[in-house]
């Protein structure tokens, strides 16, 4: 199968949120033709329209116009809805169209939805992202891809328009499995460090001393780099990821562990911490803010 061709194929995007806006911007920047699903939850799309993107009122209308459909929505329920609703993508899916799910989702749900896409005549890749909206706007996301090798090779030129690193990790569902493993490690480290930083604050340890000692020892990590601006200066920009989103991802990890029969006692502890914060009304807070909240300074 020949790789995707800018002159022949139109790209559709469902989900122009913080990450989707960056993806869309870079797809257009690299000369692809783009349509997107109109939705109240989209970020402002005027700049996309000015660059030639077209809005479509329904998933069915979007799918009928596009050869490749990228989903960039919150999670498994939203993926299911955008695909299966009465006016959803499957209603207008072109023969042999490729659906690429860039959301964070439960792998068992992914494989079930992929089977429905194939039954409708399409193809499917799960290609969840790592990194942040900043890297999305810079075209420097990381993609973790599950699916047929031929479909992966077909989509690579498109992936490289908005991603810096693209890794094929296995069959359909493997991308979402690896994403949950990644997020569990990253968010688990974040939970540990926010608790430690809060304990340090309660003990009177100076923030700069905490960061310095951790950075010279076993605490040296990307997570420390992202949280340090908040620990030192109250700046959340290093990790703009909400408590609610973190809770969703860790819940998905726990559910995946159940499906696999895998150990999850540490994961349950991380989930309990995040669920307690949701119960206290802190779901929209950014993760670095947990340092202040757990220290009793919110």
C-alpha atoms as a PDB file:
ATOM      1  CA  UNK A   1       0.000   0.000   0.000  1.00  0.00           C
ATOM      2  CA  UNK A   2       1.309   3.427  -0.967  1.00  0.00           C
ATOM      3  CA  UNK A   3       1.744   6.023   1.842  1.00  0.00           C
ATOM      4  CA  UNK A   4      -0.898   8.659   2.353  1.00  0.00           C
ATOM      5  CA  UNK A   5      -0.775  11.419  -0.259  1.00  0.00           C
ATOM      6  CA  UNK A   6      -1.486  15.109   0.384  1.00  0.00           C
ATOM      7  CA  UNK A   7      -2.859  15.575  -3.112  1.00  0.00           C
ATOM      8  CA  UNK A   8      -5.300  12.658  -2.881  1.00  0.00           C
ATOM      9  CA  UNK A   9      -6.436  12.341   0.727  1.00  0.00           C
ATOM     10  CA  UNK A  10      -8.435  14.671   2.986  1.00  0.00           C
ATOM     11  CA  UNK A  11      -7.941  14.500   6.761  1.00  0.00           C
ATOM     12  CA  UNK A  12     -10.817  14.801   9.232  1.00  0.00           C
ATOM     13  CA  UNK A  13     -10.413  15.725  12.899  1.00  0.00           C
ATOM     14  CA  UNK A  14     -12.960  15.156  15.663  1.00  0.00           C
ATOM     15  CA  UNK A  15     -11.880  16.994  18.794  1.00  0.00           C
ATOM     16  CA  UNK A  16     -10.272  20.435  18.434  1.00  0.00           C
ATOM     17  CA  UNK A  17      -9.381  20.776  22.104  1.00  0.00           C
ATOM     18  CA  UNK A  18      -6.042  21.905  23.523  1.00  0.00           C
ATOM     19  CA  UNK A  19      -4.207  18.969  21.934  1.00  0.00           C
ATOM     20  CA  UNK A  20      -6.361  18.779  18.817  1.00  0.00           C
ATOM     21  CA  UNK A  21      -5.801  22.437  18.011  1.00  0.00           C
ATOM     22  CA  UNK A  22      -2.055  21.855  17.888  1.00  0.00           C
ATOM     23  CA  UNK A  23      -2.511  18.761  15.730  1.00  0.00           C
ATOM     24  CA  UNK A  24      -4.803  20.629  13.327  1.00  0.00           C
ATOM     25  CA  UNK A  25      -2.475  23.628  13.121  1.00  0.00           C
ATOM     26  CA  UNK A  26       0.476  21.452  12.126  1.00  0.00           C
ATOM     27  CA  UNK A  27      -1.500  19.313   9.688  1.00  0.00           C
ATOM     28  CA  UNK A  28      -2.433  22.508   7.841  1.00  0.00           C
ATOM     29  CA  UNK A  29       1.085  23.908   8.169  1.00  0.00           C
ATOM     30  CA  UNK A  30       2.422  20.866   6.316  1.00  0.00           C
ATOM     31  CA  UNK A  31       0.001  21.257   3.435  1.00  0.00           C
ATOM     32  CA  UNK A  32      -2.656  18.653   4.184  1.00  0.00           C
ATOM     33  CA  UNK A  33      -6.336  19.301   3.432  1.00  0.00           C
ATOM     34  CA  UNK A  34      -8.308  19.314   6.687  1.00  0.00           C
ATOM     35  CA  UNK A  35     -11.925  19.221   7.825  1.00  0.00           C
ATOM     36  CA  UNK A  36     -13.036  19.200  11.459  1.00  0.00           C
ATOM     37  CA  UNK A  37     -16.151  18.407  13.453  1.00  0.00           C
ATOM     38  CA  UNK A  38     -17.967  21.499  14.723  1.00  0.00           C
ATOM     39  CA  UNK A  39     -18.496  21.122  18.463  1.00  0.00           C
ATOM     40  CA  UNK A  40     -19.131  23.509  21.379  1.00  0.00           C
ATOM     41  CA  UNK A  41     -16.095  22.082  23.178  1.00  0.00           C
ATOM     42  CA  UNK A  42     -13.677  23.070  20.404  1.00  0.00           C
ATOM     43  CA  UNK A  43     -11.020  25.689  20.943  1.00  0.00           C
ATOM     44  CA  UNK A  44     -11.441  28.775  18.711  1.00  0.00           C
ATOM     45  CA  UNK A  45     -11.119  27.551  15.114  1.00  0.00           C
ATOM     46  CA  UNK A  46     -10.913  30.860  13.226  1.00  0.00           C
ATOM     47  CA  UNK A  47      -7.193  30.443  12.554  1.00  0.00           C
ATOM     48  CA  UNK A  48      -7.823  26.958  11.123  1.00  0.00           C
ATOM     49  CA  UNK A  49     -10.598  28.209   8.853  1.00  0.00           C
ATOM     50  CA  UNK A  50      -8.382  31.055   7.662  1.00  0.00           C
ATOM     51  CA  UNK A  51      -5.813  28.420   6.635  1.00  0.00           C
ATOM     52  CA  UNK A  52      -8.402  26.501   4.606  1.00  0.00           C
ATOM     53  CA  UNK A  53      -9.937  24.039   7.086  1.00  0.00           C
ATOM     54  CA  UNK A  54     -13.633  23.246   6.744  1.00  0.00           C
ATOM     55  CA  UNK A  55     -16.097  22.630   9.568  1.00  0.00           C
ATOM     56  CA  UNK A  56     -18.710  19.873   9.342  1.00  0.00           C
ATOM     57  CA  UNK A  57     -21.882  19.752  11.421  1.00  0.00           C
ATOM     58  CA  UNK A  58     -21.900  16.006  12.136  1.00  0.00           C
ATOM     59  CA  UNK A  59     -19.584  13.045  12.334  1.00  0.00           C
ATOM     60  CA  UNK A  60     -21.370  11.401   9.419  1.00  0.00           C
ATOM     61  CA  UNK A  61     -20.814  14.490   7.250  1.00  0.00           C
ATOM     62  CA  UNK A  62     -17.162  14.660   8.291  1.00  0.00           C
ATOM     63  CA  UNK A  63     -16.546  10.983   7.534  1.00  0.00           C
ATOM     64  CA  UNK A  64     -18.228  11.229   4.135  1.00  0.00           C
ATOM     65  CA  UNK A  65     -15.685  13.896   3.104  1.00  0.00           C
ATOM     66  CA  UNK A  66     -12.476  12.344   4.489  1.00  0.00           C
ATOM     67  CA  UNK A  67     -10.131   9.421   3.859  1.00  0.00           C
ATOM     68  CA  UNK A  68      -8.457   9.574   7.280  1.00  0.00           C
ATOM     69  CA  UNK A  69     -10.252  10.456  10.518  1.00  0.00           C
ATOM     70  CA  UNK A  70      -8.313  11.492  13.628  1.00  0.00           C
ATOM     71  CA  UNK A  71     -10.119  11.289  16.975  1.00  0.00           C
ATOM     72  CA  UNK A  72      -8.742  13.534  19.705  1.00  0.00           C
ATOM     73  CA  UNK A  73     -11.366  13.319  22.442  1.00  0.00           C
ATOM     74  CA  UNK A  74     -11.281  12.730  26.186  1.00  0.00           C
ATOM     75  CA  UNK A  75     -11.641   8.978  26.591  1.00  0.00           C
ATOM     76  CA  UNK A  76     -13.459   5.742  25.772  1.00  0.00           C
ATOM     77  CA  UNK A  77     -17.063   7.031  26.237  1.00  0.00           C
ATOM     78  CA  UNK A  78     -16.398   9.980  23.945  1.00  0.00           C
ATOM     79  CA  UNK A  79     -14.691   7.787  21.312  1.00  0.00           C
ATOM     80  CA  UNK A  80     -17.680   5.444  21.342  1.00  0.00           C
ATOM     81  CA  UNK A  81     -20.092   8.372  21.048  1.00  0.00           C
ATOM     82  CA  UNK A  82     -18.357  10.104  18.158  1.00  0.00           C
ATOM     83  CA  UNK A  83     -18.161   6.815  16.242  1.00  0.00           C
ATOM     84  CA  UNK A  84     -21.514   5.215  17.027  1.00  0.00           C
ATOM     85  CA  UNK A  85     -24.070   7.984  17.639  1.00  0.00           C
ATOM     86  CA  UNK A  86     -26.942   8.276  15.154  1.00  0.00           C
ATOM     87  CA  UNK A  87     -25.065  10.869  13.085  1.00  0.00           C
ATOM     88  CA  UNK A  88     -21.627   9.556  14.013  1.00  0.00           C
ATOM     89  CA  UNK A  89     -18.559   8.770  11.946  1.00  0.00           C
ATOM     90  CA  UNK A  90     -19.542   5.197  11.116  1.00  0.00           C
ATOM     91  CA  UNK A  91     -22.704   6.444   9.408  1.00  0.00           C
ATOM     92  CA  UNK A  92     -20.646   8.223   6.762  1.00  0.00           C
ATOM     93  CA  UNK A  93     -17.453   6.121   6.771  1.00  0.00           C
ATOM     94  CA  UNK A  94     -15.846   5.762   3.361  1.00  0.00           C
ATOM     95  CA  UNK A  95     -14.738   2.326   2.175  1.00  0.00           C
ATOM     96  CA  UNK A  96     -11.162   1.646   3.374  1.00  0.00           C
ATOM     97  CA  UNK A  97     -11.045   4.900   5.377  1.00  0.00           C
ATOM     98  CA  UNK A  98      -8.519   4.920   8.219  1.00  0.00           C
ATOM     99  CA  UNK A  99      -9.675   5.865  11.725  1.00  0.00           C
ATOM    100  CA  UNK A 100      -6.855   7.007  14.040  1.00  0.00           C
ATOM    101  CA  UNK A 101      -7.767   7.256  17.726  1.00  0.00           C
ATOM    102  CA  UNK A 102      -5.382   9.653  19.487  1.00  0.00           C
ATOM    103  CA  UNK A 103      -7.343   9.701  22.745  1.00  0.00           C
ATOM    104  CA  UNK A 104      -6.428   7.935  25.980  1.00  0.00           C
ATOM    105  CA  UNK A 105      -8.754   4.941  26.198  1.00  0.00           C
ATOM    106  CA  UNK A 106      -9.351   1.536  27.779  1.00  0.00           C
ATOM    107  CA  UNK A 107      -7.730  -1.088  25.507  1.00  0.00           C
ATOM    108  CA  UNK A 108     -10.635  -3.553  25.722  1.00  0.00           C
ATOM    109  CA  UNK A 109     -12.988  -0.798  24.532  1.00  0.00           C
ATOM    110  CA  UNK A 110     -10.540   0.117  21.762  1.00  0.00           C
ATOM    111  CA  UNK A 111     -10.408  -3.402  20.323  1.00  0.00           C
ATOM    112  CA  UNK A 112     -14.206  -3.670  20.400  1.00  0.00           C
ATOM    113  CA  UNK A 113     -14.665  -0.325  18.610  1.00  0.00           C
ATOM    114  CA  UNK A 114     -11.926  -1.151  16.097  1.00  0.00           C
ATOM    115  CA  UNK A 115     -13.822  -4.328  15.172  1.00  0.00           C
ATOM    116  CA  UNK A 116     -16.912  -2.229  14.420  1.00  0.00           C
ATOM    117  CA  UNK A 117     -14.858   0.124  12.235  1.00  0.00           C
ATOM    118  CA  UNK A 118     -13.496  -2.856  10.287  1.00  0.00           C
ATOM    119  CA  UNK A 119     -16.989  -4.330   9.954  1.00  0.00           C
ATOM    120  CA  UNK A 120     -18.112  -0.995   8.463  1.00  0.00           C
ATOM    121  CA  UNK A 121     -15.364  -1.254   5.835  1.00  0.00           C
ATOM    122  CA  UNK A 122     -12.672   0.861   7.477  1.00  0.00           C
ATOM    123  CA  UNK A 123      -9.257   0.428   9.093  1.00  0.00           C
ATOM    124  CA  UNK A 124      -8.132   1.395  12.591  1.00  0.00           C
ATOM    125  CA  UNK A 125      -5.049   2.571  14.465  1.00  0.00           C
ATOM    126  CA  UNK A 126      -4.858   3.609  18.106  1.00  0.00           C
ATOM    127  CA  UNK A 127      -2.248   6.355  18.359  1.00  0.00           C
ATOM    128  CA  UNK A 128      -2.410   8.009  21.794  1.00  0.00           C
ATOM    129  CA  UNK A 129      -0.161  10.970  22.524  1.00  0.00           C
ATOM    130  CA  UNK A 130       2.282  11.933  25.199  1.00  0.00           C
ATOM    131  CA  UNK A 131       3.580  15.442  25.981  1.00  0.00           C
ATOM    132  CA  UNK A 132       1.530  18.604  26.444  1.00  0.00           C
ATOM    133  CA  UNK A 133      -0.468  21.220  24.462  1.00  0.00           C
ATOM    134  CA  UNK A 134       2.760  23.228  24.135  1.00  0.00           C
ATOM    135  CA  UNK A 135       4.476  20.408  22.217  1.00  0.00           C
ATOM    136  CA  UNK A 136       1.261  19.780  20.275  1.00  0.00           C
ATOM    137  CA  UNK A 137       1.354  23.352  18.963  1.00  0.00           C
ATOM    138  CA  UNK A 138       5.059  22.926  18.157  1.00  0.00           C
ATOM    139  CA  UNK A 139       4.393  19.703  16.206  1.00  0.00           C
ATOM    140  CA  UNK A 140       6.493  17.738  18.708  1.00  0.00           C
ATOM    141  CA  UNK A 141       4.116  15.176  20.167  1.00  0.00           C
ATOM    142  CA  UNK A 142       5.064  11.572  20.840  1.00  0.00           C
ATOM    143  CA  UNK A 143       2.723   8.966  19.349  1.00  0.00           C
ATOM    144  CA  UNK A 144       2.382   5.357  20.527  1.00  0.00           C
ATOM    145  CA  UNK A 145       0.686   3.367  17.777  1.00  0.00           C
ATOM    146  CA  UNK A 146      -1.177   0.061  17.720  1.00  0.00           C
ATOM    147  CA  UNK A 147      -2.523  -1.592  14.571  1.00  0.00           C
ATOM    148  CA  UNK A 148      -1.573  -3.324  11.351  1.00  0.00           C
ATOM    149  CA  UNK A 149       1.968  -2.531  10.154  1.00  0.00           C
ATOM    150  CA  UNK A 150       0.693  -1.637   6.676  1.00  0.00           C
ATOM    151  CA  UNK A 151      -1.726   0.917   8.133  1.00  0.00           C
ATOM    152  CA  UNK A 152       1.049   2.343  10.308  1.00  0.00           C
ATOM    153  CA  UNK A 153       3.334   2.769   7.293  1.00  0.00           C
ATOM    154  CA  UNK A 154       0.487   4.350   5.315  1.00  0.00           C
ATOM    155  CA  UNK A 155      -0.099   6.968   8.033  1.00  0.00           C
ATOM    156  CA  UNK A 156       3.539   7.786   8.849  1.00  0.00           C
ATOM    157  CA  UNK A 157       3.856  10.883   6.614  1.00  0.00           C
ATOM    158  CA  UNK A 158       0.775  12.352   8.308  1.00  0.00           C
ATOM    159  CA  UNK A 159       2.045  11.452  11.785  1.00  0.00           C
ATOM    160  CA  UNK A 160       5.335  13.203  11.107  1.00  0.00           C
ATOM    161  CA  UNK A 161       3.500  16.449  10.374  1.00  0.00           C
ATOM    162  CA  UNK A 162       2.496  16.778  14.045  1.00  0.00           C
ATOM    163  CA  UNK A 163       4.718  14.366  16.000  1.00  0.00           C
ATOM    164  CA  UNK A 164       8.426  14.222  16.772  1.00  0.00           C
ATOM    165  CA  UNK A 165       8.613  10.569  17.840  1.00  0.00           C
ATOM    166  CA  UNK A 166       6.317   7.852  16.468  1.00  0.00           C
ATOM    167  CA  UNK A 167       6.575   4.290  17.806  1.00  0.00           C
ATOM    168  CA  UNK A 168       4.650   1.258  16.557  1.00  0.00           C
ATOM    169  CA  UNK A 169       4.180  -1.030  19.575  1.00  0.00           C
ATOM    170  CA  UNK A 170       1.946  -3.850  18.291  1.00  0.00           C
ATOM    171  CA  UNK A 171      -1.567  -4.775  17.253  1.00  0.00           C
ATOM    172  CA  UNK A 172      -4.730  -2.714  17.744  1.00  0.00           C
ATOM    173  CA  UNK A 173      -5.051  -1.849  21.446  1.00  0.00           C
ATOM    174  CA  UNK A 174      -1.311  -1.965  22.106  1.00  0.00           C
ATOM    175  CA  UNK A 175      -1.005   1.792  21.683  1.00  0.00           C
ATOM    176  CA  UNK A 176      -3.598   2.477  24.364  1.00  0.00           C
ATOM    177  CA  UNK A 177      -2.083  -0.196  26.617  1.00  0.00           C
ATOM    178  CA  UNK A 178       1.342   1.433  26.359  1.00  0.00           C
ATOM    179  CA  UNK A 179      -0.141   4.899  26.901  1.00  0.00           C
ATOM    180  CA  UNK A 180      -1.773   3.787  30.153  1.00  0.00           C
ATOM    181  CA  UNK A 181       1.484   2.185  31.279  1.00  0.00           C
ATOM    182  CA  UNK A 182       3.292   5.434  30.480  1.00  0.00           C
ATOM    183  CA  UNK A 183       0.723   7.616  32.235  1.00  0.00           C
ATOM    184  CA  UNK A 184       0.621   5.378  35.279  1.00  0.00           C
ATOM    185  CA  UNK A 185       4.383   5.709  35.700  1.00  0.00           C
ATOM    186  CA  UNK A 186       4.355   9.462  35.016  1.00  0.00           C
ATOM    187  CA  UNK A 187       1.308  10.280  37.144  1.00  0.00           C
ATOM    188  CA  UNK A 188       2.402   7.855  39.854  1.00  0.00           C
ATOM    189  CA  UNK A 189       5.731   9.685  40.110  1.00  0.00           C
ATOM    190  CA  UNK A 190       3.803  12.958  40.168  1.00  0.00           C
ATOM    191  CA  UNK A 191       1.624  11.782  43.063  1.00  0.00           C
ATOM    192  CA  UNK A 192       4.683  10.681  45.045  1.00  0.00           C
ATOM    193  CA  UNK A 193       6.498  13.961  44.428  1.00  0.00           C
ATOM    194  CA  UNK A 194       3.519  16.185  45.301  1.00  0.00           C
ATOM    195  CA  UNK A 195       3.097  14.336  48.596  1.00  0.00           C
ATOM    196  CA  UNK A 196       6.824  14.569  49.305  1.00  0.00           C
ATOM    197  CA  UNK A 197       6.938  18.282  48.478  1.00  0.00           C
ATOM    198  CA  UNK A 198       3.923  18.898  50.726  1.00  0.00           C
ATOM    199  CA  UNK A 199       5.614  16.997  53.563  1.00  0.00           C
ATOM    200  CA  UNK A 200       8.782  19.030  52.999  1.00  0.00           C
ATOM    201  CA  UNK A 201       6.775  22.246  53.267  1.00  0.00           C
ATOM    202  CA  UNK A 202       5.203  21.070  56.519  1.00  0.00           C
ATOM    203  CA  UNK A 203       8.637  20.178  57.913  1.00  0.00           C
ATOM    204  CA  UNK A 204      10.204  23.530  57.066  1.00  0.00           C
ATOM    205  CA  UNK A 205      12.589  22.244  54.376  1.00  0.00           C
ATOM    206  CA  UNK A 206      13.294  25.070  51.929  1.00  0.00           C
ATOM    207  CA  UNK A 207      11.816  24.363  48.468  1.00  0.00           C
ATOM    208  CA  UNK A 208      15.101  25.076  46.700  1.00  0.00           C
ATOM    209  CA  UNK A 209      16.906  22.598  48.952  1.00  0.00           C
ATOM    210  CA  UNK A 210      14.323  19.903  48.231  1.00  0.00           C
ATOM    211  CA  UNK A 211      14.623  20.365  44.468  1.00  0.00           C
ATOM    212  CA  UNK A 212      18.420  20.539  44.597  1.00  0.00           C
ATOM    213  CA  UNK A 213      18.824  17.329  46.617  1.00  0.00           C
ATOM    214  CA  UNK A 214      16.282  15.375  44.545  1.00  0.00           C
ATOM    215  CA  UNK A 215      17.863  16.564  41.275  1.00  0.00           C
ATOM    216  CA  UNK A 216      21.268  15.282  42.418  1.00  0.00           C
ATOM    217  CA  UNK A 217      19.912  11.887  43.462  1.00  0.00           C
ATOM    218  CA  UNK A 218      17.181   9.368  42.805  1.00  0.00           C
ATOM    219  CA  UNK A 219      14.516  12.024  42.341  1.00  0.00           C
ATOM    220  CA  UNK A 220      16.092  13.365  39.144  1.00  0.00           C
ATOM    221  CA  UNK A 221      13.395  12.985  36.471  1.00  0.00           C
ATOM    222  CA  UNK A 222      11.193  14.670  33.884  1.00  0.00           C
ATOM    223  CA  UNK A 223       8.477  14.804  36.550  1.00  0.00           C
ATOM    224  CA  UNK A 224      10.754  16.788  38.881  1.00  0.00           C
ATOM    225  CA  UNK A 225      11.619  19.138  36.007  1.00  0.00           C
ATOM    226  CA  UNK A 226       7.919  19.752  35.390  1.00  0.00           C
ATOM    227  CA  UNK A 227       6.970  20.232  39.041  1.00  0.00           C
ATOM    228  CA  UNK A 228      10.011  22.269  40.107  1.00  0.00           C
ATOM    229  CA  UNK A 229       8.647  25.584  38.749  1.00  0.00           C
ATOM    230  CA  UNK A 230       5.625  25.223  41.034  1.00  0.00           C
ATOM    231  CA  UNK A 231       7.596  24.024  44.044  1.00  0.00           C
ATOM    232  CA  UNK A 232       9.970  26.977  43.686  1.00  0.00           C
ATOM    233  CA  UNK A 233       7.766  29.761  42.316  1.00  0.00           C
ATOM    234  CA  UNK A 234       4.119  28.636  42.235  1.00  0.00           C
ATOM    235  CA  UNK A 235       4.190  28.340  38.428  1.00  0.00           C
ATOM    236  CA  UNK A 236       1.900  25.589  37.043  1.00  0.00           C
ATOM    237  CA  UNK A 237       3.062  25.933  33.424  1.00  0.00           C
ATOM    238  CA  UNK A 238       5.437  22.974  33.636  1.00  0.00           C
ATOM    239  CA  UNK A 239       2.551  20.503  33.990  1.00  0.00           C
ATOM    240  CA  UNK A 240      -0.802  21.791  32.758  1.00  0.00           C
ATOM    241  CA  UNK A 241      -2.707  18.580  33.448  1.00  0.00           C
ATOM    242  CA  UNK A 242      -5.791  18.617  35.617  1.00  0.00           C
ATOM    243  CA  UNK A 243      -6.512  16.455  38.639  1.00  0.00           C
ATOM    244  CA  UNK A 244      -9.694  15.269  36.902  1.00  0.00           C
ATOM    245  CA  UNK A 245      -7.806  14.133  33.808  1.00  0.00           C
ATOM    246  CA  UNK A 246      -5.201  12.401  35.956  1.00  0.00           C
ATOM    247  CA  UNK A 247      -7.944  10.617  37.877  1.00  0.00           C
ATOM    248  CA  UNK A 248      -9.494   9.439  34.586  1.00  0.00           C
ATOM    249  CA  UNK A 249      -6.186   8.031  33.319  1.00  0.00           C
ATOM    250  CA  UNK A 250      -5.364   6.242  36.582  1.00  0.00           C
ATOM    251  CA  UNK A 251      -8.893   4.835  36.711  1.00  0.00           C
ATOM    252  CA  UNK A 252      -8.388   3.511  33.170  1.00  0.00           C
ATOM    253  CA  UNK A 253      -5.092   1.954  34.265  1.00  0.00           C
ATOM    254  CA  UNK A 254      -6.789   0.193  37.174  1.00  0.00           C
ATOM    255  CA  UNK A 255      -9.507  -1.104  34.870  1.00  0.00           C
ATOM    256  CA  UNK A 256      -6.902  -2.336  32.391  1.00  0.00           C
ATOM    257  CA  UNK A 257      -5.043  -4.071  35.231  1.00  0.00           C
ATOM    258  CA  UNK A 258      -8.301  -5.834  36.147  1.00  0.00           C
ATOM    259  CA  UNK A 259      -8.686  -6.992  32.529  1.00  0.00           C
ATOM    260  CA  UNK A 260      -5.093  -8.299  32.544  1.00  0.00           C
ATOM    261  CA  UNK A 261      -5.197  -9.806  36.028  1.00  0.00           C
ATOM    262  CA  UNK A 262      -2.223  -7.579  36.896  1.00  0.00           C
ATOM    263  CA  UNK A 263      -1.128  -6.239  40.303  1.00  0.00           C
ATOM    264  CA  UNK A 264      -2.488  -2.770  41.050  1.00  0.00           C
ATOM    265  CA  UNK A 265      -2.090  -2.014  44.763  1.00  0.00           C
ATOM    266  CA  UNK A 266       0.109   1.036  44.166  1.00  0.00           C
ATOM    267  CA  UNK A 267      -2.203   2.188  41.376  1.00  0.00           C
ATOM    268  CA  UNK A 268      -5.160   1.948  43.755  1.00  0.00           C
ATOM    269  CA  UNK A 269      -3.336   4.238  46.176  1.00  0.00           C
ATOM    270  CA  UNK A 270      -2.710   6.842  43.475  1.00  0.00           C
ATOM    271  CA  UNK A 271      -6.365   6.617  42.413  1.00  0.00           C
ATOM    272  CA  UNK A 272      -7.535   7.084  46.010  1.00  0.00           C
ATOM    273  CA  UNK A 273      -5.434  10.266  46.330  1.00  0.00           C
ATOM    274  CA  UNK A 274      -6.903  11.729  43.144  1.00  0.00           C
ATOM    275  CA  UNK A 275     -10.476  10.718  43.919  1.00  0.00           C
ATOM    276  CA  UNK A 276     -10.208  12.380  47.324  1.00  0.00           C
ATOM    277  CA  UNK A 277      -9.200  15.608  45.604  1.00  0.00           C
ATOM    278  CA  UNK A 278     -12.170  15.381  43.230  1.00  0.00           C
ATOM    279  CA  UNK A 279     -14.464  14.882  46.220  1.00  0.00           C
ATOM    280  CA  UNK A 280     -13.021  18.068  47.763  1.00  0.00           C
ATOM    281  CA  UNK A 281     -13.765  20.075  44.617  1.00  0.00           C
ATOM    282  CA  UNK A 282     -10.220  20.222  43.239  1.00  0.00           C
ATOM    283  CA  UNK A 283     -10.821  18.419  39.948  1.00  0.00           C
ATOM    284  CA  UNK A 284     -10.041  21.444  37.767  1.00  0.00           C
ATOM    285  CA  UNK A 285      -6.848  22.273  39.645  1.00  0.00           C
ATOM    286  CA  UNK A 286      -3.587  21.527  37.856  1.00  0.00           C
ATOM    287  CA  UNK A 287      -1.532  18.652  39.280  1.00  0.00           C
ATOM    288  CA  UNK A 288       1.311  20.864  40.580  1.00  0.00           C
ATOM    289  CA  UNK A 289      -1.225  22.631  42.802  1.00  0.00           C
ATOM    290  CA  UNK A 290      -1.532  19.443  44.842  1.00  0.00           C
ATOM    291  CA  UNK A 291       1.724  20.427  46.540  1.00  0.00           C
ATOM    292  CA  UNK A 292       0.035  23.457  48.094  1.00  0.00           C
ATOM    293  CA  UNK A 293      -3.269  21.694  48.718  1.00  0.00           C
ATOM    294  CA  UNK A 294      -1.691  18.700  50.471  1.00  0.00           C
ATOM    295  CA  UNK A 295       0.425  21.035  52.557  1.00  0.00           C
ATOM    296  CA  UNK A 296      -2.771  22.701  53.773  1.00  0.00           C
ATOM    297  CA  UNK A 297      -1.964  26.023  52.140  1.00  0.00           C
ATOM    298  CA  UNK A 298      -4.701  26.196  49.487  1.00  0.00           C
END
